[in-house]
Amino acid sequence: MRTPIATLLYIGFIITLIVFCVALLYFRSFDFYFGTAKNSSVPMAMGNRHLLSAPVVIEARGKRFEWSFRYPGRDGELGTADDFRSHKELHLPLETDVVLKLESDDFIYIMSNPELGLKQIAVPELTHTLKFYTARIGPFELLADPLCGWRPLHDDLMGRVIIHSVTDFNDWFKKMVAGPITNQ
């Protein structure tokens, strides 16, 4: 006969194993590992650099149940001094491959939009990649997808994806790169 502690440990182990298996099936079923990439060879201009068949790479960071986005500046490289940020709005050009590098500062988030086919996880201290193609113009909501399962604790909207025509996107991009006007 087992001792009560051994029985509790056995039951705890079984429950943990079941939860792990269900979570693994859940993440695999929503394509968390590979994103929803589509191929394209549409050229697009960003800043002074022309990107022929190259995807637009943007960093998306979840913090306090909101997304913020870091774009490459005029040099077209992320992580340099000319990068700029957009809070809760991801602006993208039409007919372009996009690579989002998802990160989180505090909790586990899911970037989710069924219309665009977006579903990827962001975990603190890890970087996940979400690849997709912008096929149509318009605003799309980035929904809060709470892992705790209790939606009343979270806003329904963590951000918005706004897909522009290439001309409108380049106008927005030039305005953002110019930055604030200062009196000298």
N, C-alpha and C. Protein backbone atom coordinates (compact mmCIF):
# COMPACT_ATOMS: atom_id res chain seq x y z
N MET A 1 0.84 -1.18 0.00
CA MET A 1 0.00 0.00 0.00
C MET A 1 0.89 1.25 0.00
N ARG A 2 0.45 2.25 -0.76
CA ARG A 2 1.23 3.49 -0.89
C ARG A 2 0.93 4.43 0.28
N THR A 3 1.93 5.23 0.57
CA THR A 3 1.73 6.26 1.58
C THR A 3 0.94 7.41 0.95
N PRO A 4 0.27 8.21 1.76
CA PRO A 4 -0.51 9.33 1.21
C PRO A 4 0.35 10.31 0.40
N ILE A 5 1.58 10.53 0.81
CA ILE A 5 2.46 11.45 0.08
C ILE A 5 2.81 10.87 -1.29
N ALA A 6 3.11 9.59 -1.36
CA ALA A 6 3.43 8.95 -2.64
C ALA A 6 2.23 9.00 -3.58
N THR A 7 1.04 8.81 -3.04
CA THR A 7 -0.17 8.88 -3.86
C THR A 7 -0.38 10.30 -4.40
N LEU A 8 -0.19 11.32 -3.57
CA LEU A 8 -0.32 12.71 -4.02
C LEU A 8 0.71 13.04 -5.09
N LEU A 9 1.94 12.59 -4.91
CA LEU A 9 2.98 12.83 -5.91
C LEU A 9 2.64 12.14 -7.24
N TYR A 10 2.12 10.93 -7.16
CA TYR A 10 1.73 10.19 -8.37
C TYR A 10 0.60 10.92 -9.10
N ILE A 11 -0.40 11.37 -8.37
CA ILE A 11 -1.52 12.09 -8.97
C ILE A 11 -1.04 13.41 -9.57
N GLY A 12 -0.18 14.13 -8.85
CA GLY A 12 0.37 15.39 -9.36
C GLY A 12 1.16 15.18 -10.64
N PHE A 13 1.94 14.11 -10.70
CA PHE A 13 2.71 13.79 -11.90
C PHE A 13 1.79 13.51 -13.08
N ILE A 14 0.75 12.75 -12.88
CA ILE A 14 -0.20 12.42 -13.95
C ILE A 14 -0.89 13.68 -14.45
N ILE A 15 -1.33 14.54 -13.55
CA ILE A 15 -2.00 15.79 -13.95
C ILE A 15 -1.05 16.68 -14.74
N THR A 16 0.19 16.80 -14.29
CA THR A 16 1.20 17.60 -14.99
C THR A 16 1.44 17.05 -16.39
N LEU A 17 1.55 15.75 -16.51
CA LEU A 17 1.77 15.12 -17.81
C LEU A 17 0.59 15.38 -18.76
N ILE A 18 -0.62 15.30 -18.26
CA ILE A 18 -1.81 15.55 -19.08
C ILE A 18 -1.84 17.01 -19.54
N VAL A 19 -1.58 17.94 -18.63
CA VAL A 19 -1.57 19.37 -18.99
C VAL A 19 -0.49 19.64 -20.04
N PHE A 20 0.68 19.07 -19.88
CA PHE A 20 1.77 19.26 -20.84
C PHE A 20 1.37 18.74 -22.22
N CYS A 21 0.78 17.56 -22.29
CA CYS A 21 0.37 16.98 -23.58
C CYS A 21 -0.71 17.82 -24.25
N VAL A 22 -1.69 18.29 -23.48
CA VAL A 22 -2.75 19.13 -24.04
C VAL A 22 -2.15 20.44 -24.56
N ALA A 23 -1.25 21.05 -23.80
CA ALA A 23 -0.62 22.29 -24.25
C ALA A 23 0.19 22.07 -25.52
N LEU A 24 0.91 20.97 -25.60
CA LEU A 24 1.70 20.67 -26.79
C LEU A 24 0.80 20.51 -28.01
N LEU A 25 -0.30 19.81 -27.86
CA LEU A 25 -1.25 19.65 -28.97
C LEU A 25 -1.87 20.98 -29.35
N TYR A 26 -2.19 21.82 -28.39
CA TYR A 26 -2.78 23.12 -28.65
C TYR A 26 -1.81 23.99 -29.45
N PHE A 27 -0.56 24.09 -29.03
CA PHE A 27 0.40 24.94 -29.73
C PHE A 27 0.68 24.42 -31.13
N ARG A 28 0.81 23.13 -31.31
CA ARG A 28 1.06 22.59 -32.65
C ARG A 28 -0.14 22.78 -33.56
N SER A 29 -1.34 22.67 -33.04
CA SER A 29 -2.53 22.78 -33.88
C SER A 29 -2.73 24.19 -34.41
N PHE A 30 -2.21 25.20 -33.74
CA PHE A 30 -2.37 26.57 -34.22
C PHE A 30 -1.11 27.09 -34.89
N ASP A 31 -0.22 26.20 -35.29
CA ASP A 31 0.93 26.57 -36.10
C ASP A 31 1.81 27.61 -35.40
N PHE A 32 2.02 27.46 -34.09
CA PHE A 32 2.85 28.40 -33.37
C PHE A 32 4.31 28.30 -33.77
N TYR A 33 4.74 27.14 -34.19
CA TYR A 33 6.16 26.97 -34.47
C TYR A 33 6.58 27.56 -35.81
N PHE A 34 5.70 27.52 -36.81
CA PHE A 34 6.11 27.90 -38.15
C PHE A 34 5.43 29.14 -38.70
N GLY A 35 4.46 29.73 -38.03
CA GLY A 35 3.78 30.91 -38.52
C GLY A 35 2.89 30.57 -39.70
N THR A 36 2.55 31.59 -40.48
CA THR A 36 1.67 31.39 -41.62
C THR A 36 2.29 32.04 -42.85
N ALA A 37 3.48 31.63 -43.20
CA ALA A 37 4.23 32.27 -44.28
C ALA A 37 3.60 32.00 -45.63
N LYS A 38 3.61 33.01 -46.48
CA LYS A 38 3.24 32.90 -47.88
C LYS A 38 4.36 33.54 -48.67
N ASN A 39 4.60 33.07 -49.87
CA ASN A 39 5.71 33.58 -50.66
C ASN A 39 5.26 34.72 -51.56
N SER A 40 6.18 35.67 -51.79
CA SER A 40 5.91 36.78 -52.68
C SER A 40 7.23 37.30 -53.22
N SER A 41 7.18 37.90 -54.37
CA SER A 41 8.38 38.52 -54.92
C SER A 41 8.09 39.96 -55.30
N VAL A 42 7.19 40.63 -54.57
CA VAL A 42 6.82 42.00 -54.87
C VAL A 42 7.85 42.94 -54.27
N PRO A 43 8.48 43.81 -55.09
CA PRO A 43 9.44 44.76 -54.54
C PRO A 43 8.74 45.87 -53.77
N MET A 44 9.46 46.47 -52.84
CA MET A 44 8.90 47.53 -52.03
C MET A 44 10.00 48.45 -51.59
N ALA A 45 9.74 49.72 -51.56
CA ALA A 45 10.76 50.69 -51.13
C ALA A 45 10.52 51.06 -49.68
N MET A 46 11.58 51.10 -48.89
CA MET A 46 11.48 51.53 -47.51
C MET A 46 12.65 52.45 -47.24
N GLY A 47 12.35 53.70 -46.94
CA GLY A 47 13.41 54.66 -46.71
C GLY A 47 14.22 54.86 -47.99
N ASN A 48 15.53 54.88 -47.86
CA ASN A 48 16.40 55.05 -49.02
C ASN A 48 16.79 53.73 -49.64
N ARG A 49 16.39 52.64 -49.04
CA ARG A 49 16.83 51.32 -49.48
C ARG A 49 15.68 50.61 -50.19
N HIS A 50 15.92 50.05 -51.35
CA HIS A 50 14.91 49.29 -52.07
C HIS A 50 15.08 47.82 -51.72
N LEU A 51 14.01 47.21 -51.28
CA LEU A 51 14.05 45.82 -50.88
C LEU A 51 13.41 44.99 -51.97
N LEU A 52 14.20 44.32 -52.78
CA LEU A 52 13.66 43.49 -53.84
C LEU A 52 13.50 42.08 -53.31
N SER A 53 12.27 41.64 -53.22
CA SER A 53 11.93 40.29 -52.75
C SER A 53 12.35 40.03 -51.32
N ALA A 54 12.78 41.04 -50.61
CA ALA A 54 13.18 40.85 -49.22
C ALA A 54 12.00 41.19 -48.32
N PRO A 55 11.77 40.41 -47.29
CA PRO A 55 10.65 40.71 -46.39
C PRO A 55 10.95 41.94 -45.52
N VAL A 56 9.88 42.58 -45.08
CA VAL A 56 10.00 43.66 -44.12
C VAL A 56 10.13 43.02 -42.75
N VAL A 57 11.19 43.35 -42.01
CA VAL A 57 11.43 42.77 -40.69
C VAL A 57 11.13 43.84 -39.64
N ILE A 58 10.23 43.49 -38.71
CA ILE A 58 9.80 44.42 -37.66
C ILE A 58 9.79 43.67 -36.33
N GLU A 59 10.19 44.36 -35.28
CA GLU A 59 10.15 43.77 -33.94
C GLU A 59 8.83 44.13 -33.27
N ALA A 60 8.13 43.14 -32.77
CA ALA A 60 6.88 43.34 -32.03
C ALA A 60 7.12 42.92 -30.58
N ARG A 61 6.78 43.80 -29.64
CA ARG A 61 7.03 43.53 -28.23
C ARG A 61 5.75 43.68 -27.43
N GLY A 62 5.39 42.64 -26.70
CA GLY A 62 4.23 42.68 -25.82
C GLY A 62 4.62 43.16 -24.45
N LYS A 63 3.86 44.12 -23.93
CA LYS A 63 4.11 44.63 -22.58
C LYS A 63 2.82 45.23 -22.05
N ARG A 64 2.42 44.82 -20.86
CA ARG A 64 1.21 45.32 -20.20
C ARG A 64 -0.02 45.20 -21.11
N PHE A 65 -0.14 44.06 -21.78
CA PHE A 65 -1.27 43.71 -22.63
C PHE A 65 -1.45 44.67 -23.81
N GLU A 66 -0.33 45.18 -24.32
CA GLU A 66 -0.32 46.00 -25.52
C GLU A 66 0.89 45.64 -26.36
N TRP A 67 0.76 45.80 -27.67
CA TRP A 67 1.88 45.57 -28.58
C TRP A 67 2.53 46.90 -28.93
N SER A 68 3.86 46.91 -29.01
CA SER A 68 4.58 48.03 -29.59
C SER A 68 5.48 47.46 -30.68
N PHE A 69 5.76 48.28 -31.70
CA PHE A 69 6.47 47.81 -32.87
C PHE A 69 7.68 48.70 -33.14
N ARG A 70 8.83 48.07 -33.42
CA ARG A 70 10.04 48.81 -33.76
C ARG A 70 10.37 48.54 -35.22
N TYR A 71 10.49 49.62 -35.97
CA TYR A 71 10.76 49.56 -37.40
C TYR A 71 12.21 49.95 -37.68
N PRO A 72 12.81 49.41 -38.74
CA PRO A 72 14.12 49.90 -39.14
C PRO A 72 13.97 51.30 -39.73
N GLY A 73 14.96 52.15 -39.48
CA GLY A 73 14.90 53.51 -40.01
C GLY A 73 15.39 53.58 -41.44
N ARG A 74 16.00 54.70 -41.80
CA ARG A 74 16.44 54.94 -43.18
C ARG A 74 17.46 53.91 -43.67
N ASP A 75 18.26 53.37 -42.75
CA ASP A 75 19.29 52.41 -43.19
C ASP A 75 18.71 51.01 -43.45
N GLY A 76 17.46 50.78 -43.06
CA GLY A 76 16.82 49.49 -43.30
C GLY A 76 17.24 48.38 -42.37
N GLU A 77 17.99 48.70 -41.32
CA GLU A 77 18.48 47.70 -40.37
C GLU A 77 17.85 47.92 -39.01
N LEU A 78 17.38 46.84 -38.39
CA LEU A 78 16.88 46.92 -37.01
C LEU A 78 18.05 46.98 -36.05
N GLY A 79 17.86 47.67 -34.94
CA GLY A 79 18.88 47.72 -33.91
C GLY A 79 19.89 48.84 -34.08
N THR A 80 19.57 49.82 -34.91
CA THR A 80 20.46 50.97 -35.09
C THR A 80 19.80 52.22 -34.54
N ALA A 81 20.54 53.31 -34.50
CA ALA A 81 20.07 54.54 -33.86
C ALA A 81 18.88 55.17 -34.57
N ASP A 82 18.67 54.88 -35.85
CA ASP A 82 17.58 55.53 -36.57
C ASP A 82 16.26 54.74 -36.53
N ASP A 83 16.21 53.67 -35.77
CA ASP A 83 14.95 52.91 -35.63
C ASP A 83 13.89 53.80 -34.99
N PHE A 84 12.63 53.52 -35.27
CA PHE A 84 11.54 54.24 -34.62
C PHE A 84 10.47 53.26 -34.19
N ARG A 85 9.60 53.70 -33.28
CA ARG A 85 8.58 52.84 -32.70
C ARG A 85 7.17 53.34 -33.01
N SER A 86 6.24 52.39 -33.01
CA SER A 86 4.82 52.68 -33.15
C SER A 86 4.11 51.92 -32.03
N HIS A 87 3.26 52.62 -31.30
CA HIS A 87 2.57 52.01 -30.17
C HIS A 87 1.18 51.54 -30.58
N LYS A 88 0.93 50.25 -30.47
CA LYS A 88 -0.36 49.60 -30.73
C LYS A 88 -0.79 49.61 -32.19
N GLU A 89 0.00 50.16 -33.11
CA GLU A 89 -0.36 50.15 -34.53
C GLU A 89 0.80 49.64 -35.36
N LEU A 90 0.55 48.55 -36.08
CA LEU A 90 1.52 47.96 -36.98
C LEU A 90 1.15 48.38 -38.40
N HIS A 91 1.89 49.31 -38.96
CA HIS A 91 1.64 49.80 -40.32
C HIS A 91 2.47 48.99 -41.30
N LEU A 92 1.81 48.50 -42.38
CA LEU A 92 2.49 47.67 -43.36
C LEU A 92 2.04 48.03 -44.77
N PRO A 93 2.93 47.81 -45.76
CA PRO A 93 2.54 48.03 -47.16
C PRO A 93 1.82 46.81 -47.72
N LEU A 94 1.01 47.04 -48.72
CA LEU A 94 0.26 45.99 -49.39
C LEU A 94 1.19 45.10 -50.21
N GLU A 95 0.82 43.83 -50.33
CA GLU A 95 1.52 42.84 -51.16
C GLU A 95 3.00 42.72 -50.81
N THR A 96 3.26 42.52 -49.54
CA THR A 96 4.63 42.43 -49.04
C THR A 96 4.75 41.28 -48.06
N ASP A 97 5.88 40.59 -48.12
CA ASP A 97 6.20 39.60 -47.09
C ASP A 97 6.65 40.33 -45.84
N VAL A 98 6.19 39.87 -44.70
CA VAL A 98 6.51 40.50 -43.42
C VAL A 98 7.06 39.43 -42.48
N VAL A 99 8.10 39.78 -41.75
CA VAL A 99 8.64 38.93 -40.70
C VAL A 99 8.57 39.72 -39.40
N LEU A 100 7.77 39.25 -38.46
CA LEU A 100 7.69 39.87 -37.14
C LEU A 100 8.52 39.05 -36.17
N LYS A 101 9.39 39.72 -35.44
CA LYS A 101 10.15 39.08 -34.37
C LYS A 101 9.40 39.39 -33.08
N LEU A 102 8.73 38.39 -32.54
CA LEU A 102 7.87 38.57 -31.37
C LEU A 102 8.65 38.35 -30.09
N GLU A 103 8.52 39.32 -29.19
CA GLU A 103 9.15 39.25 -27.87
C GLU A 103 8.16 39.75 -26.83
N SER A 104 8.45 39.45 -25.58
CA SER A 104 7.58 39.89 -24.49
C SER A 104 8.44 40.36 -23.33
N ASP A 105 7.97 41.40 -22.65
CA ASP A 105 8.68 41.90 -21.48
C ASP A 105 8.15 41.33 -20.17
N ASP A 106 6.88 40.89 -20.15
CA ASP A 106 6.32 40.52 -18.85
C ASP A 106 5.50 39.23 -18.83
N PHE A 107 4.65 38.98 -19.80
CA PHE A 107 3.78 37.80 -19.78
C PHE A 107 3.91 37.03 -21.09
N ILE A 108 3.21 35.92 -21.18
CA ILE A 108 3.11 35.19 -22.43
C ILE A 108 1.92 35.77 -23.20
N TYR A 109 2.17 36.22 -24.43
CA TYR A 109 1.12 36.79 -25.27
C TYR A 109 0.98 35.97 -26.54
N ILE A 110 -0.18 36.11 -27.16
CA ILE A 110 -0.42 35.50 -28.46
C ILE A 110 -0.83 36.61 -29.41
N MET A 111 -0.07 36.77 -30.50
CA MET A 111 -0.47 37.72 -31.54
C MET A 111 -1.47 36.98 -32.41
N SER A 112 -2.69 37.51 -32.48
CA SER A 112 -3.76 36.76 -33.12
C SER A 112 -4.64 37.67 -33.96
N ASN A 113 -4.86 37.28 -35.22
CA ASN A 113 -5.87 37.88 -36.08
C ASN A 113 -6.31 36.84 -37.09
N PRO A 114 -7.52 36.32 -36.96
CA PRO A 114 -7.99 35.27 -37.86
C PRO A 114 -8.10 35.71 -39.32
N GLU A 115 -8.45 36.99 -39.57
CA GLU A 115 -8.59 37.47 -40.95
C GLU A 115 -7.28 37.43 -41.72
N LEU A 116 -6.18 37.72 -41.04
CA LEU A 116 -4.86 37.70 -41.68
C LEU A 116 -4.15 36.37 -41.51
N GLY A 117 -4.74 35.48 -40.73
CA GLY A 117 -4.12 34.18 -40.48
C GLY A 117 -2.95 34.26 -39.52
N LEU A 118 -2.98 35.22 -38.60
CA LEU A 118 -1.89 35.40 -37.64
C LEU A 118 -2.20 34.65 -36.35
N LYS A 119 -1.24 33.89 -35.89
CA LYS A 119 -1.36 33.23 -34.59
C LYS A 119 0.05 32.79 -34.21
N GLN A 120 0.64 33.48 -33.25
CA GLN A 120 1.99 33.14 -32.80
C GLN A 120 2.15 33.60 -31.36
N ILE A 121 3.01 32.94 -30.64
CA ILE A 121 3.20 33.20 -29.22
C ILE A 121 4.43 34.07 -28.99
N ALA A 122 4.37 34.91 -27.97
CA ALA A 122 5.51 35.71 -27.53
C ALA A 122 5.76 35.37 -26.07
N VAL A 123 6.98 34.98 -25.75
CA VAL A 123 7.34 34.52 -24.42
C VAL A 123 8.52 35.36 -23.91
N PRO A 124 8.49 35.78 -22.64
CA PRO A 124 9.64 36.53 -22.12
C PRO A 124 10.95 35.76 -22.31
N GLU A 125 11.99 36.50 -22.67
CA GLU A 125 13.35 35.98 -22.85
C GLU A 125 13.51 35.04 -24.04
N LEU A 126 12.49 34.95 -24.91
CA LEU A 126 12.59 34.17 -26.15
C LEU A 126 12.12 35.04 -27.30
N THR A 127 12.59 34.75 -28.50
CA THR A 127 12.13 35.43 -29.70
C THR A 127 11.50 34.41 -30.63
N HIS A 128 10.24 34.63 -30.98
CA HIS A 128 9.55 33.79 -31.95
C HIS A 128 9.33 34.61 -33.21
N THR A 129 9.26 33.94 -34.34
CA THR A 129 9.10 34.61 -35.62
C THR A 129 7.74 34.29 -36.21
N LEU A 130 7.09 35.32 -36.73
CA LEU A 130 5.81 35.16 -37.41
C LEU A 130 5.97 35.73 -38.82
N LYS A 131 5.74 34.89 -39.82
CA LYS A 131 5.85 35.32 -41.22
C LYS A 131 4.47 35.32 -41.85
N PHE A 132 4.19 36.36 -42.62
CA PHE A 132 2.92 36.43 -43.33
C PHE A 132 3.02 37.38 -44.51
N TYR A 133 1.97 37.41 -45.31
CA TYR A 133 1.91 38.21 -46.52
C TYR A 133 0.72 39.16 -46.42
N THR A 134 0.92 40.42 -46.76
CA THR A 134 -0.16 41.40 -46.69
C THR A 134 -0.92 41.41 -48.02
N ALA A 135 -2.08 40.81 -48.05
CA ALA A 135 -2.81 40.61 -49.29
C ALA A 135 -3.91 41.65 -49.55
N ARG A 136 -4.37 42.36 -48.50
CA ARG A 136 -5.44 43.32 -48.72
C ARG A 136 -5.32 44.51 -47.78
N ILE A 137 -5.80 45.64 -48.27
CA ILE A 137 -5.73 46.91 -47.53
C ILE A 137 -6.81 46.93 -46.45
N GLY A 138 -6.49 47.58 -45.33
CA GLY A 138 -7.49 47.79 -44.30
C GLY A 138 -6.91 47.69 -42.90
N PRO A 139 -7.71 48.07 -41.92
CA PRO A 139 -7.32 47.89 -40.52
C PRO A 139 -7.78 46.52 -40.02
N PHE A 140 -6.94 45.89 -39.23
CA PHE A 140 -7.24 44.58 -38.66
C PHE A 140 -6.85 44.61 -37.18
N GLU A 141 -7.70 44.08 -36.32
CA GLU A 141 -7.44 44.12 -34.88
C GLU A 141 -6.56 42.96 -34.45
N LEU A 142 -5.62 43.26 -33.54
CA LEU A 142 -4.81 42.23 -32.89
C LEU A 142 -5.49 41.93 -31.57
N LEU A 143 -6.12 40.79 -31.51
CA LEU A 143 -6.95 40.43 -30.37
C LEU A 143 -6.13 39.96 -29.19
N ALA A 144 -6.63 40.22 -28.01
CA ALA A 144 -6.03 39.64 -26.81
C ALA A 144 -6.50 38.19 -26.74
N ASP A 145 -5.58 37.30 -26.53
CA ASP A 145 -5.90 35.88 -26.47
C ASP A 145 -5.33 35.34 -25.16
N PRO A 146 -6.03 35.60 -24.04
CA PRO A 146 -5.46 35.28 -22.74
C PRO A 146 -5.26 33.79 -22.53
N LEU A 147 -4.08 33.43 -22.08
CA LEU A 147 -3.79 32.03 -21.80
C LEU A 147 -4.42 31.57 -20.50
N CYS A 148 -4.74 32.54 -19.63
CA CYS A 148 -5.35 32.15 -18.36
C CYS A 148 -6.80 31.71 -18.56
N GLY A 149 -7.39 32.07 -19.72
CA GLY A 149 -8.74 31.62 -20.03
C GLY A 149 -9.84 32.50 -19.50
N TRP A 150 -9.49 33.60 -18.83
CA TRP A 150 -10.53 34.45 -18.27
C TRP A 150 -10.44 35.83 -18.91
N ARG A 151 -11.21 36.02 -19.98
CA ARG A 151 -11.16 37.23 -20.79
C ARG A 151 -11.51 38.52 -20.02
N PRO A 152 -12.40 38.53 -19.00
CA PRO A 152 -12.73 39.80 -18.33
C PRO A 152 -11.53 40.53 -17.72
N LEU A 153 -10.42 39.83 -17.49
CA LEU A 153 -9.25 40.49 -16.92
C LEU A 153 -8.45 41.29 -17.95
N HIS A 154 -8.72 41.10 -19.25
CA HIS A 154 -7.91 41.70 -20.30
C HIS A 154 -8.78 42.46 -21.29
N ASP A 155 -8.22 43.53 -21.88
CA ASP A 155 -8.91 44.20 -22.98
C ASP A 155 -9.00 43.24 -24.14
N ASP A 156 -9.98 43.45 -25.01
CA ASP A 156 -10.10 42.61 -26.19
C ASP A 156 -9.09 42.99 -27.26
N LEU A 157 -8.53 44.20 -27.21
CA LEU A 157 -7.68 44.70 -28.27
C LEU A 157 -6.28 45.03 -27.75
N MET A 158 -5.27 44.36 -28.27
CA MET A 158 -3.88 44.65 -27.89
C MET A 158 -3.20 45.57 -28.89
N GLY A 159 -3.78 45.72 -30.06
CA GLY A 159 -3.20 46.56 -31.08
C GLY A 159 -3.98 46.43 -32.37
N ARG A 160 -3.40 46.99 -33.43
CA ARG A 160 -4.08 47.01 -34.72
C ARG A 160 -3.04 46.90 -35.83
N VAL A 161 -3.36 46.15 -36.88
CA VAL A 161 -2.55 46.08 -38.08
C VAL A 161 -3.24 46.96 -39.12
N ILE A 162 -2.50 47.90 -39.69
CA ILE A 162 -3.05 48.77 -40.72
C ILE A 162 -2.24 48.54 -42.00
N ILE A 163 -2.88 47.98 -43.01
CA ILE A 163 -2.22 47.71 -44.27
C ILE A 163 -2.59 48.81 -45.26
N HIS A 164 -1.56 49.50 -45.77
CA HIS A 164 -1.72 50.63 -46.68
C HIS A 164 -1.32 50.22 -48.09
N SER A 165 -1.70 51.05 -49.07
CA SER A 165 -1.08 50.93 -50.39
C SER A 165 0.40 51.27 -50.21
N VAL A 166 1.24 50.87 -51.16
CA VAL A 166 2.68 51.12 -51.03
C VAL A 166 2.95 52.62 -50.95
N THR A 167 2.24 53.42 -51.74
CA THR A 167 2.42 54.88 -51.73
C THR A 167 2.06 55.46 -50.37
N ASP A 168 0.90 55.07 -49.83
CA ASP A 168 0.48 55.58 -48.52
C ASP A 168 1.43 55.11 -47.41
N PHE A 169 1.91 53.87 -47.51
CA PHE A 169 2.85 53.39 -46.51
C PHE A 169 4.15 54.20 -46.56
N ASN A 170 4.66 54.46 -47.76
CA ASN A 170 5.90 55.23 -47.88
C ASN A 170 5.73 56.64 -47.35
N ASP A 171 4.55 57.25 -47.56
CA ASP A 171 4.27 58.58 -47.00
C ASP A 171 4.28 58.51 -45.47
N TRP A 172 3.63 57.49 -44.89
CA TRP A 172 3.62 57.31 -43.43
C TRP A 172 5.04 57.09 -42.92
N PHE A 173 5.80 56.26 -43.63
CA PHE A 173 7.16 55.94 -43.23
C PHE A 173 8.04 57.19 -43.22
N LYS A 174 7.95 58.00 -44.27
CA LYS A 174 8.75 59.24 -44.34
C LYS A 174 8.39 60.18 -43.19
N LYS A 175 7.11 60.27 -42.87
CA LYS A 175 6.69 61.12 -41.75
C LYS A 175 7.26 60.62 -40.43
N MET A 176 7.28 59.30 -40.23
CA MET A 176 7.80 58.72 -38.99
C MET A 176 9.31 58.87 -38.89
N VAL A 177 10.01 58.69 -39.99
CA VAL A 177 11.47 58.81 -39.99
C VAL A 177 11.91 60.24 -39.74
N ALA A 178 11.10 61.20 -40.23
CA ALA A 178 11.44 62.62 -40.03
C ALA A 178 11.45 62.96 -38.56
N GLY A 179 10.61 62.31 -37.77
CA GLY A 179 10.58 62.53 -36.33
C GLY A 179 9.95 63.86 -35.97
N PRO A 180 9.97 64.19 -34.69
CA PRO A 180 9.35 65.45 -34.24
C PRO A 180 10.16 66.66 -34.70
N ILE A 181 9.46 67.74 -34.95
CA ILE A 181 10.11 69.00 -35.33
C ILE A 181 10.56 69.70 -34.07
N THR A 182 11.82 70.11 -34.04
CA THR A 182 12.35 70.78 -32.86
C THR A 182 12.74 72.21 -33.22
N ASN A 183 12.60 73.13 -32.28
CA ASN A 183 13.04 74.52 -32.47
C ASN A 183 14.49 74.62 -32.06
N GLN A 184 15.30 75.16 -32.97
CA GLN A 184 16.74 75.26 -32.65
C GLN A 184 17.18 76.68 -32.63
